[in-house]
C-alpha atoms as a PDB file:
ATOM      1  CA  MET A   1      30.027  31.188 171.191  1.00  0.00           C
ATOM      2  CA  GLY A   2      33.443  32.457 169.989  1.00  0.00           C
ATOM      3  CA  LYS A   3      36.738  32.220 171.752  1.00  0.00           C
ATOM      4  CA  SER A   4      37.208  34.374 174.832  1.00  0.00           C
ATOM      5  CA  LYS A   5      39.284  37.476 174.145  1.00  0.00           C
ATOM      6  CA  ASP A   6      41.176  37.777 177.384  1.00  0.00           C
ATOM      7  CA  VAL A   7      44.522  39.032 176.041  1.00  0.00           C
ATOM      8  CA  SER A   8      45.027  42.739 175.538  1.00  0.00           C
ATOM      9  CA  LEU A   9      47.736  43.800 173.113  1.00  0.00           C
ATOM     10  CA  GLN A  10      48.942  47.331 172.547  1.00  0.00           C
ATOM     11  CA  LEU A  11      51.097  48.094 169.535  1.00  0.00           C
ATOM     12  CA  ARG A  12      52.490  51.024 167.624  1.00  0.00           C
ATOM     13  CA  ILE A  13      52.130  51.064 163.855  1.00  0.00           C
ATOM     14  CA  ALA A  14      52.792  53.617 161.132  1.00  0.00           C
ATOM     15  CA  GLN A  15      49.897  55.817 160.040  1.00  0.00           C
ATOM     16  CA  GLU A  16      50.030  54.209 156.588  1.00  0.00           C
ATOM     17  CA  THR A  17      49.544  50.766 158.154  1.00  0.00           C
ATOM     18  CA  ALA A  18      46.706  52.059 160.326  1.00  0.00           C
ATOM     19  CA  ASP A  19      45.031  53.500 157.228  1.00  0.00           C
ATOM     20  CA  LYS A  20      45.346  50.162 155.410  1.00  0.00           C
ATOM     21  CA  LEU A  21      43.919  48.352 158.429  1.00  0.00           C
ATOM     22  CA  GLN A  22      40.927  50.687 158.570  1.00  0.00           C
ATOM     23  CA  GLU A  23      40.379  50.422 154.817  1.00  0.00           C
ATOM     24  CA  CYS A  24      40.286  46.627 155.081  1.00  0.00           C
ATOM     25  CA  ALA A  25      37.962  46.735 158.081  1.00  0.00           C
ATOM     26  CA  ASP A  26      35.564  49.072 156.284  1.00  0.00           C
ATOM     27  CA  ALA A  27      35.616  47.087 153.033  1.00  0.00           C
ATOM     28  CA  LEU A  28      34.984  43.788 154.828  1.00  0.00           C
ATOM     29  CA  SER A  29      32.568  45.140 157.465  1.00  0.00           C
ATOM     30  CA  LEU A  30      34.842  43.765 160.188  1.00  0.00           C
ATOM     31  CA  SER A  31      36.453  45.274 163.237  1.00  0.00           C
ATOM     32  CA  ARG A  32      40.130  46.131 163.091  1.00  0.00           C
ATOM     33  CA  THR A  33      40.704  43.326 165.592  1.00  0.00           C
ATOM     34  CA  GLU A  34      38.977  40.830 163.294  1.00  0.00           C
ATOM     35  CA  VAL A  35      41.106  41.975 160.345  1.00  0.00           C
ATOM     36  CA  ILE A  36      44.281  41.540 162.401  1.00  0.00           C
ATOM     37  CA  GLU A  37      43.155  38.102 163.581  1.00  0.00           C
ATOM     38  CA  GLN A  38      42.392  36.997 160.024  1.00  0.00           C
ATOM     39  CA  GLY A  39      45.783  38.292 158.875  1.00  0.00           C
ATOM     40  CA  ILE A  40      47.535  36.324 161.605  1.00  0.00           C
ATOM     41  CA  ASP A  41      45.558  33.222 160.630  1.00  0.00           C
ATOM     42  CA  LEU A  42      46.687  33.614 156.993  1.00  0.00           C
ATOM     43  CA  ILE A  43      50.362  34.013 157.904  1.00  0.00           C
ATOM     44  CA  HIS A  44      50.166  31.170 160.428  1.00  0.00           C
ATOM     45  CA  LYS A  45      48.707  28.869 157.791  1.00  0.00           C
ATOM     46  CA  GLN A  46      51.631  29.695 155.462  1.00  0.00           C
ATOM     47  CA  VAL A  47      54.148  29.017 158.248  1.00  0.00           C
ATOM     48  CA  VAL A  48      52.572  25.673 159.139  1.00  0.00           C
ATOM     49  CA  GLU A  49      52.440  24.592 155.483  1.00  0.00           C
ATOM     50  CA  LYS A  50      56.181  25.267 155.108  1.00  0.00           C
ATOM     51  CA  GLN A  51      57.044  23.014 158.052  1.00  0.00           C
END
């Protein structure tokens, strides 16, 4: 079983960013939330490696 998703986050993004997010989600057969989570994981990994 995956991690519980008990945090709700609302954000405002540009239409261009929303379009890119949807394009990625469609291409990868993921939800927009999953794409965002994977993006955060990638950036976090880069941050940790620089420390």
